[in-house]
Amino acid sequence: MIPVPANTRVWLAAGVTDMRRGFTTLAAQAKQTLKQDPFTGHLFVFRGRRGDLLKIIWWDGQGACLFSKRLEKGRFVWPSAKEGKIALTAAQLAMLLEGIDLRVPQRSWTPLKAG
């Protein structure tokens, strides 16, 4: 898991992104399209057209980080919006990276009833 500091924002880029891009061009997309400074320490998440590959860029204060994850089965659930950005919590990012559908997250256990 990516070590997300407590005050870090996570921005998901709506729409699809060319997955041939590296940190420099994804950072430019974060600045131009998402209207965010990619060097603030926030995480920026991008998804490819097929939906099975994610790239995350992060400036950790010392240098540029580029993370990628490809699912062996299934697709990352993504908003239907064609452009813009969506803010996620670190917990939502963890679920997304596990392939969990953020629209209908479900617990794998049932809480005990008091009484």
PDB file of N, CA and C in Angstrom:
ATOM      1  N   MET A   1       0.845  -1.184   0.000  1.00  0.00           N
ATOM      2  CA  MET A   1       0.000   0.000   0.000  1.00  0.00           C
ATOM      3  C   MET A   1       0.888   1.243   0.000  1.00  0.00           C
ATOM      4  N   ILE A   2       0.414   2.273  -0.637  1.00  0.00           N
ATOM      5  CA  ILE A   2       1.134   3.536  -0.694  1.00  0.00           C
ATOM      6  C   ILE A   2       1.036   4.206   0.680  1.00  0.00           C
ATOM      7  N   PRO A   3       2.135   4.676   1.250  1.00  0.00           N
ATOM      8  CA  PRO A   3       2.091   5.311   2.573  1.00  0.00           C
ATOM      9  C   PRO A   3       1.502   6.722   2.478  1.00  0.00           C
ATOM     10  N   VAL A   4       0.193   6.835   2.602  1.00  0.00           N
ATOM     11  CA  VAL A   4      -0.492   8.110   2.440  1.00  0.00           C
ATOM     12  C   VAL A   4      -0.483   8.865   3.766  1.00  0.00           C
ATOM     13  N   PRO A   5       0.242   9.997   3.852  1.00  0.00           N
ATOM     14  CA  PRO A   5       0.209  10.803   5.071  1.00  0.00           C
ATOM     15  C   PRO A   5      -1.207  11.300   5.368  1.00  0.00           C
ATOM     16  N   ALA A   6      -1.496  11.563   6.629  1.00  0.00           N
ATOM     17  CA  ALA A   6      -2.847  11.891   7.080  1.00  0.00           C
ATOM     18  C   ALA A   6      -3.472  13.081   6.357  1.00  0.00           C
ATOM     19  N   ASN A   7      -2.725  14.109   6.052  1.00  0.00           N
ATOM     20  CA  ASN A   7      -3.301  15.323   5.455  1.00  0.00           C
ATOM     21  C   ASN A   7      -3.251  15.324   3.925  1.00  0.00           C
ATOM     22  N   THR A   8      -2.932  14.189   3.319  1.00  0.00           N
ATOM     23  CA  THR A   8      -2.812  14.105   1.865  1.00  0.00           C
ATOM     24  C   THR A   8      -4.176  13.936   1.215  1.00  0.00           C
ATOM     25  N   ARG A   9      -4.429  14.693   0.165  1.00  0.00           N
ATOM     26  CA  ARG A   9      -5.659  14.545  -0.615  1.00  0.00           C
ATOM     27  C   ARG A   9      -5.410  13.549  -1.737  1.00  0.00           C
ATOM     28  N   VAL A  10      -6.454  12.845  -2.115  1.00  0.00           N
ATOM     29  CA  VAL A  10      -6.381  11.894  -3.220  1.00  0.00           C
ATOM     30  C   VAL A  10      -7.355  12.376  -4.282  1.00  0.00           C
ATOM     31  N   TRP A  11      -6.861  12.624  -5.481  1.00  0.00           N
ATOM     32  CA  TRP A  11      -7.683  13.112  -6.591  1.00  0.00           C
ATOM     33  C   TRP A  11      -7.754  12.055  -7.682  1.00  0.00           C
ATOM     34  N   LEU A  12      -8.960  11.719  -8.056  1.00  0.00           N
ATOM     35  CA  LEU A  12      -9.194  10.755  -9.126  1.00  0.00           C
ATOM     36  C   LEU A  12      -9.553  11.532 -10.384  1.00  0.00           C
ATOM     37  N   ALA A  13      -8.841  11.306 -11.472  1.00  0.00           N
ATOM     38  CA  ALA A  13      -9.095  12.004 -12.732  1.00  0.00           C
ATOM     39  C   ALA A  13     -10.202  11.267 -13.483  1.00  0.00           C
ATOM     40  N   ALA A  14     -11.352  11.914 -13.654  1.00  0.00           N
ATOM     41  CA  ALA A  14     -12.467  11.299 -14.372  1.00  0.00           C
ATOM     42  C   ALA A  14     -12.088  11.110 -15.841  1.00  0.00           C
ATOM     43  N   GLY A  15     -12.743  10.175 -16.492  1.00  0.00           N
ATOM     44  CA  GLY A  15     -12.443   9.903 -17.895  1.00  0.00           C
ATOM     45  C   GLY A  15     -11.296   8.923 -18.027  1.00  0.00           C
ATOM     46  N   VAL A  16     -10.790   8.780 -19.232  1.00  0.00           N
ATOM     47  CA  VAL A  16      -9.694   7.839 -19.473  1.00  0.00           C
ATOM     48  C   VAL A  16      -8.407   8.614 -19.765  1.00  0.00           C
ATOM     49  N   THR A  17      -7.291   7.956 -19.485  1.00  0.00           N
ATOM     50  CA  THR A  17      -5.975   8.553 -19.673  1.00  0.00           C
ATOM     51  C   THR A  17      -5.116   7.607 -20.499  1.00  0.00           C
ATOM     52  N   ASP A  18      -4.282   8.171 -21.338  1.00  0.00           N
ATOM     53  CA  ASP A  18      -3.325   7.387 -22.117  1.00  0.00           C
ATOM     54  C   ASP A  18      -2.297   6.808 -21.153  1.00  0.00           C
ATOM     55  N   MET A  19      -2.269   5.500 -21.007  1.00  0.00           N
ATOM     56  CA  MET A  19      -1.391   4.854 -20.034  1.00  0.00           C
ATOM     57  C   MET A  19       0.061   4.766 -20.476  1.00  0.00           C
ATOM     58  N   ARG A  20       0.386   5.293 -21.641  1.00  0.00           N
ATOM     59  CA  ARG A  20       1.791   5.383 -22.054  1.00  0.00           C
ATOM     60  C   ARG A  20       2.477   6.555 -21.368  1.00  0.00           C
ATOM     61  N   ARG A  21       1.719   7.415 -20.722  1.00  0.00           N
ATOM     62  CA  ARG A  21       2.270   8.608 -20.081  1.00  0.00           C
ATOM     63  C   ARG A  21       3.056   8.264 -18.825  1.00  0.00           C
ATOM     64  N   GLY A  22       4.092   9.055 -18.586  1.00  0.00           N
ATOM     65  CA  GLY A  22       4.896   8.924 -17.379  1.00  0.00           C
ATOM     66  C   GLY A  22       4.580  10.057 -16.405  1.00  0.00           C
ATOM     67  N   PHE A  23       5.441  10.229 -15.408  1.00  0.00           N
ATOM     68  CA  PHE A  23       5.181  11.235 -14.383  1.00  0.00           C
ATOM     69  C   PHE A  23       5.040  12.634 -14.973  1.00  0.00           C
ATOM     70  N   THR A  24       5.925  13.012 -15.863  1.00  0.00           N
ATOM     71  CA  THR A  24       5.936  14.380 -16.387  1.00  0.00           C
ATOM     72  C   THR A  24       4.639  14.735 -17.093  1.00  0.00           C
ATOM     73  N   THR A  25       4.158  13.878 -17.976  1.00  0.00           N
ATOM     74  CA  THR A  25       2.924  14.204 -18.709  1.00  0.00           C
ATOM     75  C   THR A  25       1.684  14.026 -17.842  1.00  0.00           C
ATOM     76  N   LEU A  26       1.705  13.087 -16.899  1.00  0.00           N
ATOM     77  CA  LEU A  26       0.577  12.972 -15.967  1.00  0.00           C
ATOM     78  C   LEU A  26       0.536  14.177 -15.030  1.00  0.00           C
ATOM     79  N   ALA A  27       1.704  14.681 -14.627  1.00  0.00           N
ATOM     80  CA  ALA A  27       1.752  15.884 -13.791  1.00  0.00           C
ATOM     81  C   ALA A  27       1.196  17.085 -14.557  1.00  0.00           C
ATOM     82  N   ALA A  28       1.522  17.165 -15.843  1.00  0.00           N
ATOM     83  CA  ALA A  28       0.980  18.252 -16.672  1.00  0.00           C
ATOM     84  C   ALA A  28      -0.539  18.129 -16.781  1.00  0.00           C
ATOM     85  N   GLN A  29      -1.042  16.903 -16.886  1.00  0.00           N
ATOM     86  CA  GLN A  29      -2.499  16.696 -16.944  1.00  0.00           C
ATOM     87  C   GLN A  29      -3.151  17.095 -15.623  1.00  0.00           C
ATOM     88  N   ALA A  30      -2.505  16.776 -14.505  1.00  0.00           N
ATOM     89  CA  ALA A  30      -3.042  17.174 -13.199  1.00  0.00           C
ATOM     90  C   ALA A  30      -3.116  18.693 -13.095  1.00  0.00           C
ATOM     91  N   LYS A  31      -2.113  19.365 -13.601  1.00  0.00           N
ATOM     92  CA  LYS A  31      -2.080  20.831 -13.529  1.00  0.00           C
ATOM     93  C   LYS A  31      -3.095  21.472 -14.467  1.00  0.00           C
ATOM     94  N   GLN A  32      -3.158  21.016 -15.716  1.00  0.00           N
ATOM     95  CA  GLN A  32      -4.030  21.651 -16.710  1.00  0.00           C
ATOM     96  C   GLN A  32      -5.485  21.215 -16.589  1.00  0.00           C
ATOM     97  N   THR A  33      -5.715  19.920 -16.507  1.00  0.00           N
ATOM     98  CA  THR A  33      -7.081  19.400 -16.522  1.00  0.00           C
ATOM     99  C   THR A  33      -7.729  19.423 -15.145  1.00  0.00           C
ATOM    100  N   LEU A  34      -6.983  18.979 -14.131  1.00  0.00           N
ATOM    101  CA  LEU A  34      -7.547  18.891 -12.786  1.00  0.00           C
ATOM    102  C   LEU A  34      -7.393  20.182 -11.993  1.00  0.00           C
ATOM    103  N   LYS A  35      -6.607  21.123 -12.523  1.00  0.00           N
ATOM    104  CA  LYS A  35      -6.375  22.416 -11.860  1.00  0.00           C
ATOM    105  C   LYS A  35      -5.765  22.242 -10.475  1.00  0.00           C
ATOM    106  N   GLN A  36      -4.808  21.299 -10.375  1.00  0.00           N
ATOM    107  CA  GLN A  36      -4.124  21.033  -9.110  1.00  0.00           C
ATOM    108  C   GLN A  36      -2.624  21.047  -9.345  1.00  0.00           C
ATOM    109  N   ASP A  37      -1.885  21.473  -8.347  1.00  0.00           N
ATOM    110  CA  ASP A  37      -0.429  21.467  -8.425  1.00  0.00           C
ATOM    111  C   ASP A  37       0.074  20.062  -8.093  1.00  0.00           C
ATOM    112  N   PRO A  38       0.704  19.367  -9.042  1.00  0.00           N
ATOM    113  CA  PRO A  38       1.142  18.002  -8.796  1.00  0.00           C
ATOM    114  C   PRO A  38       2.310  17.885  -7.812  1.00  0.00           C
ATOM    115  N   PHE A  39       2.892  19.005  -7.396  1.00  0.00           N
ATOM    116  CA  PHE A  39       4.030  18.988  -6.494  1.00  0.00           C
ATOM    117  C   PHE A  39       3.651  19.376  -5.067  1.00  0.00           C
ATOM    118  N   THR A  40       2.373  19.225  -4.702  1.00  0.00           N
ATOM    119  CA  THR A  40       1.899  19.559  -3.358  1.00  0.00           C
ATOM    120  C   THR A  40       1.943  18.381  -2.408  1.00  0.00           C
ATOM    121  N   GLY A  41       2.187  17.179  -2.934  1.00  0.00           N
ATOM    122  CA  GLY A  41       2.182  15.987  -2.090  1.00  0.00           C
ATOM    123  C   GLY A  41       0.869  15.228  -2.144  1.00  0.00           C
ATOM    124  N   HIS A  42      -0.084  15.692  -2.944  1.00  0.00           N
ATOM    125  CA  HIS A  42      -1.343  14.967  -3.115  1.00  0.00           C
ATOM    126  C   HIS A  42      -1.136  13.817  -4.090  1.00  0.00           C
ATOM    127  N   LEU A  43      -2.023  12.832  -4.047  1.00  0.00           N
ATOM    128  CA  LEU A  43      -1.966  11.709  -4.970  1.00  0.00           C
ATOM    129  C   LEU A  43      -2.959  11.944  -6.099  1.00  0.00           C
ATOM    130  N   PHE A  44      -2.559  11.639  -7.318  1.00  0.00           N
ATOM    131  CA  PHE A  44      -3.408  11.801  -8.498  1.00  0.00           C
ATOM    132  C   PHE A  44      -3.536  10.438  -9.170  1.00  0.00           C
ATOM    133  N   VAL A  45      -4.773   9.980  -9.318  1.00  0.00           N
ATOM    134  CA  VAL A  45      -5.044   8.630  -9.813  1.00  0.00           C
ATOM    135  C   VAL A  45      -5.641   8.715 -11.218  1.00  0.00           C
ATOM    136  N   PHE A  46      -5.110   7.921 -12.144  1.00  0.00           N
ATOM    137  CA  PHE A  46      -5.542   7.915 -13.544  1.00  0.00           C
ATOM    138  C   PHE A  46      -5.841   6.476 -13.957  1.00  0.00           C
ATOM    139  N   ARG A  47      -6.839   6.301 -14.827  1.00  0.00           N
ATOM    140  CA  ARG A  47      -7.202   4.974 -15.321  1.00  0.00           C
ATOM    141  C   ARG A  47      -7.149   4.942 -16.836  1.00  0.00           C
ATOM    142  N   GLY A  48      -6.722   3.808 -17.378  1.00  0.00           N
ATOM    143  CA  GLY A  48      -6.656   3.626 -18.820  1.00  0.00           C
ATOM    144  C   GLY A  48      -8.002   3.256 -19.422  1.00  0.00           C
ATOM    145  N   ARG A  49      -8.056   3.190 -20.738  1.00  0.00           N
ATOM    146  CA  ARG A  49      -9.296   2.921 -21.464  1.00  0.00           C
ATOM    147  C   ARG A  49      -9.888   1.552 -21.135  1.00  0.00           C
ATOM    148  N   ARG A  50      -9.045   0.520 -21.058  1.00  0.00           N
ATOM    149  CA  ARG A  50      -9.557  -0.828 -20.787  1.00  0.00           C
ATOM    150  C   ARG A  50     -10.060  -0.983 -19.362  1.00  0.00           C
ATOM    151  N   GLY A  51      -9.571  -0.143 -18.460  1.00  0.00           N
ATOM    152  CA  GLY A  51     -10.064  -0.159 -17.091  1.00  0.00           C
ATOM    153  C   GLY A  51      -9.350  -1.105 -16.148  1.00  0.00           C
ATOM    154  N   ASP A  52      -8.346  -1.834 -16.640  1.00  0.00           N
ATOM    155  CA  ASP A  52      -7.650  -2.775 -15.769  1.00  0.00           C
ATOM    156  C   ASP A  52      -6.313  -2.234 -15.255  1.00  0.00           C
ATOM    157  N   LEU A  53      -5.957  -1.001 -15.636  1.00  0.00           N
ATOM    158  CA  LEU A  53      -4.687  -0.405 -15.243  1.00  0.00           C
ATOM    159  C   LEU A  53      -4.907   0.974 -14.631  1.00  0.00           C
ATOM    160  N   LEU A  54      -4.262   1.193 -13.474  1.00  0.00           N
ATOM    161  CA  LEU A  54      -4.256   2.501 -12.807  1.00  0.00           C
ATOM    162  C   LEU A  54      -2.822   2.992 -12.718  1.00  0.00           C
ATOM    163  N   LYS A  55      -2.666   4.313 -12.782  1.00  0.00           N
ATOM    164  CA  LYS A  55      -1.387   4.947 -12.474  1.00  0.00           C
ATOM    165  C   LYS A  55      -1.653   6.035 -11.450  1.00  0.00           C
ATOM    166  N   ILE A  56      -0.746   6.129 -10.498  1.00  0.00           N
ATOM    167  CA  ILE A  56      -0.847   7.138  -9.439  1.00  0.00           C
ATOM    168  C   ILE A  56       0.469   7.900  -9.420  1.00  0.00           C
ATOM    169  N   ILE A  57       0.371   9.226  -9.433  1.00  0.00           N
ATOM    170  CA  ILE A  57       1.579  10.034  -9.279  1.00  0.00           C
ATOM    171  C   ILE A  57       1.529  10.730  -7.925  1.00  0.00           C
ATOM    172  N   TRP A  58       2.718  10.916  -7.360  1.00  0.00           N
ATOM    173  CA  TRP A  58       2.828  11.511  -6.031  1.00  0.00           C
ATOM    174  C   TRP A  58       4.206  12.139  -5.890  1.00  0.00           C
ATOM    175  N   TRP A  59       4.236  13.360  -5.439  1.00  0.00           N
ATOM    176  CA  TRP A  59       5.487  14.042  -5.118  1.00  0.00           C
ATOM    177  C   TRP A  59       5.672  13.894  -3.622  1.00  0.00           C
ATOM    178  N   ASP A  60       6.692  13.150  -3.195  1.00  0.00           N
ATOM    179  CA  ASP A  60       6.852  12.858  -1.766  1.00  0.00           C
ATOM    180  C   ASP A  60       7.715  13.880  -1.032  1.00  0.00           C
ATOM    181  N   GLY A  61       8.048  14.985  -1.703  1.00  0.00           N
ATOM    182  CA  GLY A  61       8.869  16.018  -1.083  1.00  0.00           C
ATOM    183  C   GLY A  61      10.329  15.911  -1.473  1.00  0.00           C
ATOM    184  N   GLN A  62      10.739  14.717  -1.913  1.00  0.00           N
ATOM    185  CA  GLN A  62      12.118  14.512  -2.339  1.00  0.00           C
ATOM    186  C   GLN A  62      12.213  14.185  -3.816  1.00  0.00           C
ATOM    187  N   GLY A  63      11.122  13.666  -4.353  1.00  0.00           N
ATOM    188  CA  GLY A  63      11.154  13.277  -5.758  1.00  0.00           C
ATOM    189  C   GLY A  63       9.798  12.805  -6.237  1.00  0.00           C
ATOM    190  N   ALA A  64       9.756  12.473  -7.516  1.00  0.00           N
ATOM    191  CA  ALA A  64       8.521  12.058  -8.169  1.00  0.00           C
ATOM    192  C   ALA A  64       8.334  10.550  -8.046  1.00  0.00           C
ATOM    193  N   CYS A  65       7.133  10.140  -7.676  1.00  0.00           N
ATOM    194  CA  CYS A  65       6.794   8.721  -7.577  1.00  0.00           C
ATOM    195  C   CYS A  65       5.705   8.411  -8.590  1.00  0.00           C
ATOM    196  N   LEU A  66       5.849   7.280  -9.253  1.00  0.00           N
ATOM    197  CA  LEU A  66       4.846   6.812 -10.203  1.00  0.00           C
ATOM    198  C   LEU A  66       4.533   5.367  -9.855  1.00  0.00           C
ATOM    199  N   PHE A  67       3.298   5.127  -9.416  1.00  0.00           N
ATOM    200  CA  PHE A  67       2.851   3.787  -9.065  1.00  0.00           C
ATOM    201  C   PHE A  67       1.886   3.309 -10.140  1.00  0.00           C
ATOM    202  N   SER A  68       1.881   2.018 -10.399  1.00  0.00           N
ATOM    203  CA  SER A  68       0.893   1.467 -11.324  1.00  0.00           C
ATOM    204  C   SER A  68       0.403   0.139 -10.784  1.00  0.00           C
ATOM    205  N   LYS A  69      -0.848  -0.190 -11.122  1.00  0.00           N
ATOM    206  CA  LYS A  69      -1.421  -1.473 -10.744  1.00  0.00           C
ATOM    207  C   LYS A  69      -2.307  -1.947 -11.871  1.00  0.00           C
ATOM    208  N   ARG A  70      -2.115  -3.210 -12.249  1.00  0.00           N
ATOM    209  CA  ARG A  70      -2.948  -3.835 -13.266  1.00  0.00           C
ATOM    210  C   ARG A  70      -3.658  -5.012 -12.609  1.00  0.00           C
ATOM    211  N   LEU A  71      -4.981  -5.057 -12.767  1.00  0.00           N
ATOM    212  CA  LEU A  71      -5.762  -6.175 -12.248  1.00  0.00           C
ATOM    213  C   LEU A  71      -5.654  -7.363 -13.194  1.00  0.00           C
ATOM    214  N   GLU A  72      -5.481  -8.540 -12.640  1.00  0.00           N
ATOM    215  CA  GLU A  72      -5.443  -9.750 -13.454  1.00  0.00           C
ATOM    216  C   GLU A  72      -6.835 -10.099 -13.974  1.00  0.00           C
ATOM    217  N   LYS A  73      -7.846  -9.854 -13.133  1.00  0.00           N
ATOM    218  CA  LYS A  73      -9.236 -10.114 -13.515  1.00  0.00           C
ATOM    219  C   LYS A  73     -10.063  -8.897 -13.128  1.00  0.00           C
ATOM    220  N   GLY A  74     -11.059  -8.572 -13.936  1.00  0.00           N
ATOM    221  CA  GLY A  74     -11.958  -7.478 -13.612  1.00  0.00           C
ATOM    222  C   GLY A  74     -11.424  -6.121 -14.038  1.00  0.00           C
ATOM    223  N   ARG A  75     -12.150  -5.093 -13.642  1.00  0.00           N
ATOM    224  CA  ARG A  75     -11.837  -3.714 -13.993  1.00  0.00           C
ATOM    225  C   ARG A  75     -11.964  -2.835 -12.753  1.00  0.00           C
ATOM    226  N   PHE A  76     -11.211  -1.755 -12.747  1.00  0.00           N
ATOM    227  CA  PHE A  76     -11.372  -0.755 -11.698  1.00  0.00           C
ATOM    228  C   PHE A  76     -12.670   0.003 -11.974  1.00  0.00           C
ATOM    229  N   VAL A  77     -13.518   0.136 -10.963  1.00  0.00           N
ATOM    230  CA  VAL A  77     -14.768   0.871 -11.121  1.00  0.00           C
ATOM    231  C   VAL A  77     -14.445   2.354 -11.134  1.00  0.00           C
ATOM    232  N   TRP A  78     -14.946   3.051 -12.144  1.00  0.00           N
ATOM    233  CA  TRP A  78     -14.605   4.445 -12.369  1.00  0.00           C
ATOM    234  C   TRP A  78     -15.872   5.253 -12.566  1.00  0.00           C
ATOM    235  N   PRO A  79     -15.892   6.515 -12.156  1.00  0.00           N
ATOM    236  CA  PRO A  79     -17.075   7.346 -12.392  1.00  0.00           C
ATOM    237  C   PRO A  79     -17.346   7.520 -13.888  1.00  0.00           C
ATOM    238  N   SER A  80     -18.602   7.701 -14.242  1.00  0.00           N
ATOM    239  CA  SER A  80     -18.968   7.821 -15.656  1.00  0.00           C
ATOM    240  C   SER A  80     -18.679   9.207 -16.228  1.00  0.00           C
ATOM    241  N   ALA A  81     -18.337  10.167 -15.380  1.00  0.00           N
ATOM    242  CA  ALA A  81     -18.023  11.513 -15.869  1.00  0.00           C
ATOM    243  C   ALA A  81     -16.851  11.460 -16.840  1.00  0.00           C
ATOM    244  N   LYS A  82     -16.901  12.271 -17.887  1.00  0.00           N
ATOM    245  CA  LYS A  82     -15.857  12.291 -18.916  1.00  0.00           C
ATOM    246  C   LYS A  82     -14.682  13.191 -18.562  1.00  0.00           C
ATOM    247  N   GLU A  83     -14.887  14.125 -17.659  1.00  0.00           N
ATOM    248  CA  GLU A  83     -13.816  15.050 -17.265  1.00  0.00           C
ATOM    249  C   GLU A  83     -14.026  15.513 -15.850  1.00  0.00           C
ATOM    250  N   GLY A  84     -13.019  16.143 -15.303  1.00  0.00           N
ATOM    251  CA  GLY A  84     -13.097  16.664 -13.944  1.00  0.00           C
ATOM    252  C   GLY A  84     -12.327  15.791 -12.975  1.00  0.00           C
ATOM    253  N   LYS A  85     -12.580  16.013 -11.696  1.00  0.00           N
ATOM    254  CA  LYS A  85     -11.866  15.294 -10.651  1.00  0.00           C
ATOM    255  C   LYS A  85     -12.826  14.940  -9.528  1.00  0.00           C
ATOM    256  N   ILE A  86     -12.465  13.913  -8.810  1.00  0.00           N
ATOM    257  CA  ILE A  86     -13.252  13.450  -7.667  1.00  0.00           C
ATOM    258  C   ILE A  86     -12.278  13.264  -6.516  1.00  0.00           C
ATOM    259  N   ALA A  87     -12.635  13.758  -5.347  1.00  0.00           N
ATOM    260  CA  ALA A  87     -11.797  13.589  -4.161  1.00  0.00           C
ATOM    261  C   ALA A  87     -12.128  12.255  -3.501  1.00  0.00           C
ATOM    262  N   LEU A  88     -11.081  11.535  -3.104  1.00  0.00           N
ATOM    263  CA  LEU A  88     -11.241  10.269  -2.398  1.00  0.00           C
ATOM    264  C   LEU A  88     -10.539  10.356  -1.052  1.00  0.00           C
ATOM    265  N   THR A  89     -10.970   9.524  -0.122  1.00  0.00           N
ATOM    266  CA  THR A  89     -10.248   9.376   1.138  1.00  0.00           C
ATOM    267  C   THR A  89      -9.193   8.287   0.935  1.00  0.00           C
ATOM    268  N   ALA A  90      -8.270   8.191   1.878  1.00  0.00           N
ATOM    269  CA  ALA A  90      -7.254   7.144   1.802  1.00  0.00           C
ATOM    270  C   ALA A  90      -7.910   5.768   1.863  1.00  0.00           C
ATOM    271  N   ALA A  91      -8.989   5.635   2.645  1.00  0.00           N
ATOM    272  CA  ALA A  91      -9.705   4.356   2.738  1.00  0.00           C
ATOM    273  C   ALA A  91     -10.362   4.009   1.399  1.00  0.00           C
ATOM    274  N   GLN A  92     -10.950   4.990   0.735  1.00  0.00           N
ATOM    275  CA  GLN A  92     -11.557   4.747  -0.573  1.00  0.00           C
ATOM    276  C   GLN A  92     -10.498   4.359  -1.601  1.00  0.00           C
ATOM    277  N   LEU A  93      -9.313   4.985  -1.530  1.00  0.00           N
ATOM    278  CA  LEU A  93      -8.225   4.621  -2.423  1.00  0.00           C
ATOM    279  C   LEU A  93      -7.814   3.166  -2.193  1.00  0.00           C
ATOM    280  N   ALA A  94      -7.718   2.763  -0.934  1.00  0.00           N
ATOM    281  CA  ALA A  94      -7.358   1.378  -0.619  1.00  0.00           C
ATOM    282  C   ALA A  94      -8.385   0.411  -1.200  1.00  0.00           C
ATOM    283  N   MET A  95      -9.667   0.744  -1.082  1.00  0.00           N
ATOM    284  CA  MET A  95     -10.713  -0.117  -1.652  1.00  0.00           C
ATOM    285  C   MET A  95     -10.607  -0.165  -3.163  1.00  0.00           C
ATOM    286  N   LEU A  96     -10.386   0.996  -3.777  1.00  0.00           N
ATOM    287  CA  LEU A  96     -10.251   1.058  -5.229  1.00  0.00           C
ATOM    288  C   LEU A  96      -9.097   0.171  -5.699  1.00  0.00           C
ATOM    289  N   LEU A  97      -7.968   0.237  -5.013  1.00  0.00           N
ATOM    290  CA  LEU A  97      -6.804  -0.565  -5.385  1.00  0.00           C
ATOM    291  C   LEU A  97      -7.044  -2.063  -5.204  1.00  0.00           C
ATOM    292  N   GLU A  98      -7.993  -2.418  -4.338  1.00  0.00           N
ATOM    293  CA  GLU A  98      -8.349  -3.823  -4.148  1.00  0.00           C
ATOM    294  C   GLU A  98      -9.408  -4.288  -5.137  1.00  0.00           C
ATOM    295  N   GLY A  99      -9.897  -3.377  -5.987  1.00  0.00           N
ATOM    296  CA  GLY A  99     -10.914  -3.741  -6.969  1.00  0.00           C
ATOM    297  C   GLY A  99     -12.325  -3.697  -6.424  1.00  0.00           C
ATOM    298  N   ILE A 100     -12.524  -3.043  -5.285  1.00  0.00           N
ATOM    299  CA  ILE A 100     -13.853  -2.942  -4.672  1.00  0.00           C
ATOM    300  C   ILE A 100     -14.625  -1.811  -5.330  1.00  0.00           C
ATOM    301  N   ASP A 101     -15.893  -2.053  -5.622  1.00  0.00           N
ATOM    302  CA  ASP A 101     -16.771  -1.050  -6.219  1.00  0.00           C
ATOM    303  C   ASP A 101     -17.121  -0.016  -5.150  1.00  0.00           C
ATOM    304  N   LEU A 102     -16.636   1.213  -5.305  1.00  0.00           N
ATOM    305  CA  LEU A 102     -16.863   2.267  -4.310  1.00  0.00           C
ATOM    306  C   LEU A 102     -18.316   2.704  -4.231  1.00  0.00           C
ATOM    307  N   ARG A 103     -19.098   2.418  -5.275  1.00  0.00           N
ATOM    308  CA  ARG A 103     -20.508   2.831  -5.265  1.00  0.00           C
ATOM    309  C   ARG A 103     -21.331   2.001  -4.304  1.00  0.00           C
ATOM    310  N   VAL A 104     -20.953   0.763  -4.084  1.00  0.00           N
ATOM    311  CA  VAL A 104     -21.700  -0.127  -3.186  1.00  0.00           C
ATOM    312  C   VAL A 104     -20.746  -0.953  -2.323  1.00  0.00           C
ATOM    313  N   PRO A 105     -19.910  -0.288  -1.521  1.00  0.00           N
ATOM    314  CA  PRO A 105     -19.005  -1.063  -0.661  1.00  0.00           C
ATOM    315  C   PRO A 105     -19.817  -1.809   0.389  1.00  0.00           C
ATOM    316  N   GLN A 106     -19.446  -3.035   0.643  1.00  0.00           N
ATOM    317  CA  GLN A 106     -20.161  -3.840   1.632  1.00  0.00           C
ATOM    318  C   GLN A 106     -19.168  -4.449   2.599  1.00  0.00           C
ATOM    319  N   ARG A 107     -19.615  -4.551   3.853  1.00  0.00           N
ATOM    320  CA  ARG A 107     -18.791  -5.208   4.854  1.00  0.00           C
ATOM    321  C   ARG A 107     -18.843  -6.715   4.617  1.00  0.00           C
ATOM    322  N   SER A 108     -17.783  -7.374   4.986  1.00  0.00           N
ATOM    323  CA  SER A 108     -17.752  -8.810   4.846  1.00  0.00           C
ATOM    324  C   SER A 108     -18.241  -9.495   6.129  1.00  0.00           C
ATOM    325  N   TRP A 109     -18.654  -8.681   7.098  1.00  0.00           N
ATOM    326  CA  TRP A 109     -19.153  -9.221   8.358  1.00  0.00           C
ATOM    327  C   TRP A 109     -20.376  -8.418   8.783  1.00  0.00           C
ATOM    328  N   THR A 110     -21.150  -8.990   9.653  1.00  0.00           N
ATOM    329  CA  THR A 110     -22.350  -8.337  10.175  1.00  0.00           C
ATOM    330  C   THR A 110     -22.074  -7.944  11.623  1.00  0.00           C
ATOM    331  N   PRO A 111     -22.306  -6.648  11.970  1.00  0.00           N
ATOM    332  CA  PRO A 111     -22.061  -6.233  13.349  1.00  0.00           C
ATOM    333  C   PRO A 111     -23.018  -6.936  14.304  1.00  0.00           C
ATOM    334  N   LEU A 112     -22.544  -7.257  15.528  1.00  0.00           N
ATOM    335  CA  LEU A 112     -23.388  -7.883  16.531  1.00  0.00           C
ATOM    336  C   LEU A 112     -24.395  -6.884  17.057  1.00  0.00           C
ATOM    337  N   LYS A 113     -25.590  -7.364  17.311  1.00  0.00           N
ATOM    338  CA  LYS A 113     -26.627  -6.501  17.895  1.00  0.00           C
ATOM    339  C   LYS A 113     -26.451  -6.460  19.394  1.00  0.00           C
ATOM    340  N   ALA A 114     -26.599  -5.268  19.960  1.00  0.00           N
ATOM    341  CA  ALA A 114     -26.491  -5.095  21.396  1.00  0.00           C
ATOM    342  C   ALA A 114     -27.761  -5.622  22.068  1.00  0.00           C
ATOM    343  N   GLY A 115     -27.608  -6.231  23.187  1.00  0.00           N
ATOM    344  CA  GLY A 115     -28.791  -6.609  23.945  1.00  0.00           C
ATOM    345  C   GLY A 115     -28.881  -7.996  24.236  1.00  0.00           C
TER     346      GLY A 115
END
